[in-house]
């Protein structure tokens, strides 16, 4: 087939333009440092870095690119660095960090022999990534020198404070475990029981660990052991109405609570904001310790809310309950979700087991069915087994012997008649 020379020229010009455009997109933001195997260790050995392993063909990488560029510009004046590694081209680097998917983001700090690296598992938003970078670049515990420094720290986002001595470095170990998370840990070693502030907060013994916010204050009363304290912090470090993120959900699943979701949609910001305010009030008035209140953006977590029963995520607001232990779920049965009394009644019926779940795992369904019919299943199964054993025994006992009895005449052989031709 003959191709006109003019068409070939236009095709080459088009390919060259596309290549220049792609290169321009890659290098457009000079605040992002492109890292290779040759300069990776030299560059990242100085300062605090957030490094993304990506691929040019990865759709997830393309979708997060605007937020990644905005983050790079925002944190550069603060002394933080943002880097990019083209993982398919830099296979040795990707293998060194165990990269198995794209994008994969790491916090990196220090020389290679003493390097601190931590993988980021949160949402790809500017605020979440900046918080992670800031938390990881600071010590896990911030010291408080004087009592009057406490009040300015308290906001809607809860903080964790240790008053008194950190016995056996227990608090330090717990704070280090939560360092990548969205919580700040403080230590006020000079706390005194006769202080008016301590009396106001109800602290009557030291050391004391408390979670403080403008919405509530809670004190740990368990043993000075890491696992109970860490579990208590995990449950109480969240706001009254926690926003669901990728990094929060794995922690929520270990709480063994009923997760109560206000299902909203960021595509309808005014309506969503009004309902989250309404739901926050319900959370503040809640007295059932089994319930844990959250908000979930159905636009962002579309598959999640669909899987657990909200089949039309655009029809918001909705109320959804998820049992973190069994993965059973309930969705409001046509109630007025703006009516506090109807919502409370629905939640109480779920908590007390009056309302059956709309979604059950297969193993859970089998267990529920067995509990319901065990009085029939067990006797029938027992009788069936006895009958089966009896039949087997009888068959074995009546089985004819292959050897003839002693002295018995052997059966005469019967001659076969010849087949007809």
Protein backbone atom coordinates (compact mmCIF):
# COMPACT_ATOMS: atom_id res chain seq x y z
CA UNK A 1 0.00 0.00 0.00
CA UNK A 2 1.40 3.37 -0.99
CA UNK A 3 1.44 5.99 1.78
CA UNK A 4 1.82 9.61 0.65
CA UNK A 5 5.02 11.25 1.78
CA UNK A 6 3.07 14.18 3.21
CA UNK A 7 1.13 11.82 5.49
CA UNK A 8 4.37 10.28 6.79
CA UNK A 9 5.75 13.73 7.55
CA UNK A 10 2.59 14.69 9.44
CA UNK A 11 2.70 11.41 11.40
CA UNK A 12 6.32 11.98 12.43
CA UNK A 13 5.57 15.54 13.46
CA UNK A 14 2.59 14.33 15.50
CA UNK A 15 4.67 11.68 17.31
CA UNK A 16 7.41 14.19 18.03
CA UNK A 17 4.86 16.67 19.41
CA UNK A 18 3.31 13.96 21.61
CA UNK A 19 6.73 13.00 22.97
CA UNK A 20 7.56 16.65 23.72
CA UNK A 21 4.17 17.08 25.41
CA UNK A 22 4.73 13.99 27.58
CA UNK A 23 8.19 15.18 28.56
CA UNK A 24 6.76 18.58 29.38
CA UNK A 25 4.10 16.96 31.62
CA UNK A 26 6.72 14.89 33.43
CA UNK A 27 9.05 17.83 34.04
CA UNK A 28 6.45 20.58 34.32
CA UNK A 29 6.64 20.84 38.12
CA UNK A 30 10.22 21.65 39.07
CA UNK A 31 9.36 21.14 42.76
CA UNK A 32 9.27 17.38 42.12
CA UNK A 33 12.71 15.78 41.93
CA UNK A 34 13.12 12.89 39.48
CA UNK A 35 15.24 10.24 41.19
CA UNK A 36 17.30 7.48 39.57
CA UNK A 37 19.50 4.65 40.82
CA UNK A 38 22.58 6.81 40.31
CA UNK A 39 21.52 9.74 42.54
CA UNK A 40 18.84 8.25 44.85
CA UNK A 41 21.03 7.68 47.92
CA UNK A 42 22.86 10.99 47.54
CA UNK A 43 19.67 13.02 47.20
CA UNK A 44 17.59 11.35 49.92
CA UNK A 45 20.39 11.27 52.48
CA UNK A 46 19.67 14.94 53.24
CA UNK A 47 16.35 16.21 54.52
CA UNK A 48 12.92 14.61 54.75
CA UNK A 49 11.50 13.05 51.60
CA UNK A 50 8.22 11.67 50.34
CA UNK A 51 9.05 9.49 47.33
CA UNK A 52 6.53 8.05 44.90
CA UNK A 53 7.26 4.94 42.83
CA UNK A 54 5.04 5.26 39.77
CA UNK A 55 4.58 4.19 36.15
CA UNK A 56 3.69 6.43 33.21
CA UNK A 57 0.87 4.06 32.14
CA UNK A 58 -0.68 3.77 35.65
CA UNK A 59 -4.15 5.40 35.81
CA UNK A 60 -4.02 5.71 39.62
CA UNK A 61 -0.73 7.61 39.26
CA UNK A 62 -2.28 9.93 36.67
CA UNK A 63 -5.29 10.64 38.88
CA UNK A 64 -3.16 11.57 41.89
CA UNK A 65 -0.72 13.70 39.86
CA UNK A 66 -2.44 17.09 40.52
CA UNK A 67 -2.46 16.46 44.29
CA UNK A 68 1.17 15.28 44.16
CA UNK A 69 2.28 18.44 42.34
CA UNK A 70 0.31 20.67 44.69
CA UNK A 71 1.90 18.91 47.67
CA UNK A 72 5.40 19.42 46.26
CA UNK A 73 4.83 23.17 45.86
CA UNK A 74 3.19 23.48 49.29
CA UNK A 75 5.86 21.71 51.37
CA UNK A 76 8.99 22.95 49.58
CA UNK A 77 9.14 26.21 51.61
CA UNK A 78 8.92 24.07 54.76
CA UNK A 79 12.11 22.22 53.83
CA UNK A 80 10.48 18.96 52.72
CA UNK A 81 11.29 17.29 49.40
CA UNK A 82 9.04 15.38 47.02
CA UNK A 83 10.56 12.80 44.66
CA UNK A 84 9.44 10.60 41.77
CA UNK A 85 10.87 7.24 40.69
CA UNK A 86 9.80 5.72 37.37
CA UNK A 87 9.62 2.18 38.74
CA UNK A 88 9.56 0.23 35.43
CA UNK A 89 12.76 2.02 34.38
CA UNK A 90 14.37 1.86 37.84
CA UNK A 91 13.67 -1.81 38.56
CA UNK A 92 16.58 -2.18 40.98
CA UNK A 93 15.28 0.67 43.15
CA UNK A 94 11.74 -0.69 43.06
CA UNK A 95 12.96 -4.15 44.07
CA UNK A 96 15.05 -2.68 46.88
CA UNK A 97 11.96 -1.12 48.46
CA UNK A 98 9.68 -4.10 47.75
CA UNK A 99 7.41 -2.17 45.38
CA UNK A 100 4.67 -4.42 44.00
CA UNK A 101 2.09 -1.91 42.77
CA UNK A 102 1.74 1.70 41.68
CA UNK A 103 1.73 4.23 43.09
CA UNK A 104 3.70 3.24 46.20
CA UNK A 105 4.80 6.12 48.47
CA UNK A 106 7.56 6.09 51.09
CA UNK A 107 8.76 8.52 53.71
CA UNK A 108 12.58 8.45 53.57
CA UNK A 109 15.16 10.11 55.80
CA UNK A 110 18.85 9.61 56.52
CA UNK A 111 21.93 7.89 55.16
CA UNK A 112 21.45 4.44 53.55
CA UNK A 113 23.06 2.59 56.49
CA UNK A 114 20.79 4.34 59.06
CA UNK A 115 17.84 5.13 56.83
CA UNK A 116 14.31 5.53 58.15
CA UNK A 117 11.68 4.48 55.61
CA UNK A 118 7.95 4.06 56.12
CA UNK A 119 5.33 3.21 53.52
CA UNK A 120 2.32 5.51 53.27
CA UNK A 121 -1.09 3.79 53.21
CA UNK A 122 -3.46 6.77 53.39
CA UNK A 123 -5.57 8.70 50.91
CA UNK A 124 -3.90 10.51 48.02
CA UNK A 125 -5.02 13.95 49.16
CA UNK A 126 -2.78 16.92 49.85
CA UNK A 127 -3.82 17.25 53.50
CA UNK A 128 -3.42 13.55 54.34
CA UNK A 129 -0.02 13.24 52.65
CA UNK A 130 1.24 16.47 54.24
CA UNK A 131 0.13 15.29 57.70
CA UNK A 132 1.96 11.98 57.21
CA UNK A 133 5.14 13.77 56.08
CA UNK A 134 4.98 16.21 59.00
CA UNK A 135 4.33 13.47 61.59
CA UNK A 136 7.17 11.28 60.34
CA UNK A 137 9.66 14.15 60.30
CA UNK A 138 9.15 14.92 63.99
CA UNK A 139 9.79 12.90 67.18
CA UNK A 140 6.88 10.61 68.13
CA UNK A 141 6.38 12.59 71.37
CA UNK A 142 6.34 16.36 71.84
CA UNK A 143 7.43 17.60 75.28
CA UNK A 144 5.34 20.10 77.25
CA UNK A 145 7.44 22.31 79.52
CA UNK A 146 4.67 24.20 81.35
CA UNK A 147 1.02 23.65 82.18
CA UNK A 148 -0.15 26.74 80.28
CA UNK A 149 1.07 25.14 77.02
CA UNK A 150 -1.68 22.52 77.15
CA UNK A 151 -4.76 24.66 76.41
CA UNK A 152 -3.57 25.98 72.98
CA UNK A 153 -2.99 22.38 71.85
CA UNK A 154 -6.60 21.30 72.36
CA UNK A 155 -8.82 21.37 69.26
CA UNK A 156 -11.46 19.22 67.56
CA UNK A 157 -8.70 16.76 66.65
CA UNK A 158 -7.94 14.77 69.83
CA UNK A 159 -4.43 14.74 71.29
CA UNK A 160 -2.90 12.17 73.64
CA UNK A 161 -1.00 13.39 76.72
CA UNK A 162 1.01 11.56 79.37
CA UNK A 163 1.12 13.32 82.74
CA UNK A 164 4.03 12.23 84.92
CA UNK A 165 6.85 9.74 84.38
CA UNK A 166 7.02 7.43 81.38
CA UNK A 167 7.52 4.20 83.36
CA UNK A 168 9.51 1.58 81.41
CA UNK A 169 9.21 3.75 78.25
CA UNK A 170 5.76 2.27 77.73
CA UNK A 171 4.22 5.51 76.47
CA UNK A 172 7.14 6.01 74.08
CA UNK A 173 6.55 2.58 72.53
CA UNK A 174 2.85 3.26 72.07
CA UNK A 175 3.46 6.72 70.59
CA UNK A 176 6.02 5.31 68.15
CA UNK A 177 3.50 2.72 66.97
CA UNK A 178 1.04 5.52 66.14
CA UNK A 179 3.58 7.91 64.61
CA UNK A 180 2.39 7.45 60.99
CA UNK A 181 -1.22 8.03 62.07
CA UNK A 182 -3.19 11.24 62.36
CA UNK A 183 -2.64 11.73 66.10
CA UNK A 184 -0.23 13.86 68.15
CA UNK A 185 1.31 12.54 71.37
CA UNK A 186 2.57 14.84 74.15
CA UNK A 187 4.34 14.35 77.46
CA UNK A 188 4.12 16.66 80.47
CA UNK A 189 6.63 15.15 82.92
CA UNK A 190 6.33 17.97 85.49
CA UNK A 191 2.64 17.35 86.22
CA UNK A 192 1.68 17.76 89.91
CA UNK A 193 -1.43 16.30 91.51
CA UNK A 194 -2.08 19.44 93.57
CA UNK A 195 -2.33 21.53 90.39
CA UNK A 196 -5.77 23.09 89.69
CA UNK A 197 -5.53 21.90 86.09
CA UNK A 198 -4.98 18.30 87.16
CA UNK A 199 -7.92 18.48 89.58
CA UNK A 200 -10.09 20.01 86.86
CA UNK A 201 -9.33 17.07 84.53
CA UNK A 202 -9.91 14.53 87.31
CA UNK A 203 -6.32 13.28 87.49
CA UNK A 204 -5.79 11.82 90.97
CA UNK A 205 -2.80 9.53 90.28
CA UNK A 206 0.35 9.62 88.18
CA UNK A 207 1.30 8.56 85.58
CA UNK A 208 -1.97 9.29 83.76
CA UNK A 209 -2.74 9.08 80.03
CA UNK A 210 -5.57 11.21 78.66
CA UNK A 211 -7.13 11.98 75.28
CA UNK A 212 -8.23 15.62 75.09
CA UNK A 213 -10.27 17.54 72.52
CA UNK A 214 -12.80 20.37 72.46
CA UNK A 215 -15.53 17.71 72.17
CA UNK A 216 -14.53 15.33 75.00
CA UNK A 217 -11.84 14.26 77.46
CA UNK A 218 -11.10 10.63 78.37
CA UNK A 219 -8.69 9.04 80.83
CA UNK A 220 -7.08 5.62 80.63
CA UNK A 221 -7.83 3.49 83.70
CA UNK A 222 -6.38 0.13 82.62
CA UNK A 223 -3.11 -1.61 83.55
CA UNK A 224 0.28 -0.08 82.66
CA UNK A 225 0.80 -2.65 79.90
CA UNK A 226 1.40 -1.94 76.22
CA UNK A 227 -1.36 -3.96 74.53
CA UNK A 228 -4.30 -2.65 76.64
CA UNK A 229 -3.01 0.93 76.47
CA UNK A 230 -2.43 0.73 72.71
CA UNK A 231 -5.91 -0.69 72.15
CA UNK A 232 -7.45 2.06 74.30
CA UNK A 233 -5.58 4.76 72.37
CA UNK A 234 -6.65 3.17 69.07
CA UNK A 235 -10.31 3.39 70.10
CA UNK A 236 -10.28 6.84 71.73
CA UNK A 237 -7.87 8.88 69.61
CA UNK A 238 -10.50 9.67 66.95
CA UNK A 239 -12.92 12.63 66.82
CA UNK A 240 -16.58 12.15 67.72
CA UNK A 241 -17.32 11.77 64.02
CA UNK A 242 -14.36 10.18 62.24
CA UNK A 243 -13.97 10.55 58.48
CA UNK A 244 -13.32 7.22 56.78
CA UNK A 245 -9.95 7.03 55.00
CA UNK A 246 -7.86 4.20 53.60
CA UNK A 247 -5.47 4.38 56.55
CA UNK A 248 -8.22 4.44 59.21
CA UNK A 249 -10.27 1.43 58.08
CA UNK A 250 -7.78 -1.37 58.95
CA UNK A 251 -7.61 0.02 62.48
CA UNK A 252 -11.40 0.24 62.74
CA UNK A 253 -11.79 -3.43 61.85
CA UNK A 254 -9.84 -4.43 64.97
CA UNK A 255 -12.05 -2.44 67.37
CA UNK A 256 -14.83 -5.04 67.67
CA UNK A 257 -17.48 -2.32 67.46
CA UNK A 258 -20.55 -1.45 65.44
CA UNK A 259 -19.38 1.15 62.93
CA UNK A 260 -22.17 3.66 62.30
CA UNK A 261 -21.70 5.52 59.01
CA UNK A 262 -23.28 8.73 57.85
CA UNK A 263 -23.21 8.10 54.09
CA UNK A 264 -22.73 11.43 52.32
CA UNK A 265 -21.33 12.56 48.97
CA UNK A 266 -18.75 15.27 48.33
CA UNK A 267 -20.55 16.02 45.04
CA UNK A 268 -23.28 17.57 47.25
CA UNK A 269 -21.15 19.55 49.72
CA UNK A 270 -23.87 21.68 51.35
CA UNK A 271 -26.17 18.73 52.04
CA UNK A 272 -23.26 16.56 53.18
CA UNK A 273 -21.95 19.21 55.59
CA UNK A 274 -25.39 19.70 57.14
CA UNK A 275 -25.84 15.97 57.68
CA UNK A 276 -22.38 15.42 59.16
CA UNK A 277 -23.12 18.22 61.66
CA UNK A 278 -26.42 16.51 62.49
CA UNK A 279 -24.68 13.14 62.85
CA UNK A 280 -21.94 14.65 65.05
CA UNK A 281 -24.66 15.75 67.47
CA UNK A 282 -26.01 12.19 67.57
CA UNK A 283 -22.51 10.91 68.28
CA UNK A 284 -22.08 13.40 71.14
CA UNK A 285 -25.36 12.26 72.74
CA UNK A 286 -24.66 8.53 72.26
CA UNK A 287 -24.36 6.38 75.39
CA UNK A 288 -23.94 2.95 73.75
CA UNK A 289 -20.23 2.05 73.97
CA UNK A 290 -20.61 -0.50 71.15
CA UNK A 291 -21.30 2.26 68.60
CA UNK A 292 -18.53 4.13 66.78
CA UNK A 293 -19.63 7.01 64.53
CA UNK A 294 -18.08 7.87 61.16
CA UNK A 295 -18.81 9.67 57.91
CA UNK A 296 -18.05 8.11 54.53
CA UNK A 297 -17.91 9.86 51.16
CA UNK A 298 -19.95 7.64 48.82
CA UNK A 299 -18.36 9.32 45.82
CA UNK A 300 -14.88 8.31 46.97
CA UNK A 301 -15.80 4.92 48.50
CA UNK A 302 -18.45 3.95 45.95
CA UNK A 303 -17.70 0.20 45.85
CA UNK A 304 -17.45 0.05 49.65
CA UNK A 305 -20.93 1.48 50.33
CA UNK A 306 -22.46 -0.57 47.49
CA UNK A 307 -20.99 -3.78 48.86
CA UNK A 308 -22.45 -3.17 52.31
CA UNK A 309 -25.95 -2.30 51.15
CA UNK A 310 -26.21 1.29 49.85
CA UNK A 311 -27.00 0.41 46.24
CA UNK A 312 -27.70 3.99 45.14
CA UNK A 313 -24.82 6.10 46.55
CA UNK A 314 -26.22 9.22 44.91
CA UNK A 315 -29.31 9.02 47.14
CA UNK A 316 -27.88 10.58 50.27
CA UNK A 317 -27.82 10.94 53.18
CA UNK A 318 -28.14 7.35 54.40
CA UNK A 319 -27.30 5.53 57.64
CA UNK A 320 -25.26 2.33 57.40
CA UNK A 321 -24.03 0.06 60.21
CA UNK A 322 -21.16 -2.41 59.87
CA UNK A 323 -20.14 -4.97 62.49
CA UNK A 324 -16.34 -4.78 62.40
CA UNK A 325 -16.01 -8.31 63.83
CA UNK A 326 -18.47 -10.28 61.66
CA UNK A 327 -18.71 -7.99 58.57
CA UNK A 328 -22.51 -8.02 58.87
CA UNK A 329 -24.18 -4.80 57.76
CA UNK A 330 -27.46 -2.94 58.12
CA UNK A 331 -28.87 0.00 56.12
CA UNK A 332 -31.62 2.31 57.38
CA UNK A 333 -34.98 0.66 56.52
CA UNK A 334 -36.68 3.68 54.99
CA UNK A 335 -36.64 5.78 58.17
CA UNK A 336 -36.41 9.56 58.27
CA UNK A 337 -32.63 9.89 58.54
CA UNK A 338 -33.01 13.51 59.70
CA UNK A 339 -35.15 12.48 62.67
CA UNK A 340 -32.91 11.87 65.73
CA UNK A 341 -35.49 9.67 67.44
CA UNK A 342 -35.93 7.36 64.41
CA UNK A 343 -32.17 7.06 63.90
CA UNK A 344 -31.59 6.23 67.58
CA UNK A 345 -34.36 3.60 67.51
CA UNK A 346 -32.81 1.99 64.43
CA UNK A 347 -29.34 1.93 66.01
CA UNK A 348 -30.70 0.53 69.29
CA UNK A 349 -32.50 -2.29 67.44
CA UNK A 350 -29.28 -3.18 65.63
CA UNK A 351 -27.18 -3.05 68.80
CA UNK A 352 -29.61 -5.26 70.74
CA UNK A 353 -29.93 -7.79 67.91
CA UNK A 354 -33.60 -7.09 67.13
CA UNK A 355 -32.95 -6.25 63.46
CA UNK A 356 -31.42 -8.97 61.27
CA UNK A 357 -28.50 -7.87 59.10
CA UNK A 358 -29.00 -7.24 55.41
CA UNK A 359 -25.59 -8.70 54.53
CA UNK A 360 -24.00 -11.76 56.13
CA UNK A 361 -20.83 -13.66 55.21
CA UNK A 362 -21.50 -17.26 54.06
CA UNK A 363 -19.80 -18.72 57.15
CA UNK A 364 -21.98 -16.53 59.35
CA UNK A 365 -25.14 -17.65 57.53
CA UNK A 366 -24.24 -21.31 58.09
CA UNK A 367 -23.64 -20.66 61.80
CA UNK A 368 -26.94 -18.78 62.19
CA UNK A 369 -28.80 -21.58 60.39
CA UNK A 370 -27.16 -24.23 62.63
CA UNK A 371 -28.03 -22.33 65.82
CA UNK A 372 -31.63 -22.06 64.66
CA UNK A 373 -32.10 -25.72 63.72
CA UNK A 374 -29.56 -27.50 65.93
CA UNK A 375 -32.29 -29.32 67.91
CA UNK A 376 -33.32 -31.05 64.70
CA UNK A 377 -29.92 -31.35 63.03
CA UNK A 378 -28.07 -32.99 65.92
CA UNK A 379 -30.55 -35.86 66.60
CA UNK A 380 -31.02 -36.58 62.89
CA UNK A 381 -27.26 -36.60 62.34
CA UNK A 382 -26.73 -38.94 65.35
CA UNK A 383 -29.45 -41.38 64.20
CA UNK A 384 -28.04 -41.37 60.67
CA UNK A 385 -24.56 -42.18 61.92
CA UNK A 386 -25.83 -45.04 64.13
CA UNK A 387 -27.80 -46.46 61.21
CA UNK A 388 -24.79 -46.22 58.92
CA UNK A 389 -22.52 -47.99 61.42
CA UNK A 390 -25.14 -50.72 61.99
CA UNK A 391 -25.46 -51.39 58.27
CA UNK A 392 -21.68 -51.59 57.88
CA UNK A 393 -21.38 -54.07 60.78
CA UNK A 394 -24.20 -56.25 59.46
CA UNK A 395 -22.67 -56.36 56.00
CA UNK A 396 -19.32 -57.43 57.40
CA UNK A 397 -20.86 -60.19 59.59
CA UNK A 398 -23.00 -61.77 56.84
CA UNK A 399 -20.26 -61.73 54.24
CA UNK A 400 -19.82 -65.32 52.75
CA UNK A 401 -16.48 -67.04 53.41
CA UNK A 402 -14.26 -67.64 50.39
CA UNK A 403 -12.70 -70.88 51.79
CA UNK A 404 -14.91 -74.06 51.93
CA UNK A 405 -15.36 -75.67 55.30
CA UNK A 406 -13.08 -78.62 56.19
CA UNK A 407 -14.32 -81.96 54.83
CA UNK A 408 -16.92 -80.37 52.63
CA UNK A 409 -17.20 -81.65 49.06
CA UNK A 410 -16.07 -79.31 46.48
CA UNK A 411 -18.65 -78.14 44.00
CA UNK A 412 -18.49 -80.02 40.71
CA UNK A 413 -17.32 -78.02 37.74
CA UNK A 414 -19.93 -77.52 35.06
CA UNK A 415 -18.65 -78.06 31.58
CA UNK A 416 -19.30 -75.23 29.21
CA UNK A 417 -21.15 -76.09 26.02
CA UNK A 418 -19.21 -75.29 22.89
CA UNK A 419 -20.31 -72.17 21.05
CA UNK A 420 -22.11 -72.72 17.81
CA UNK A 421 -20.16 -71.95 14.71
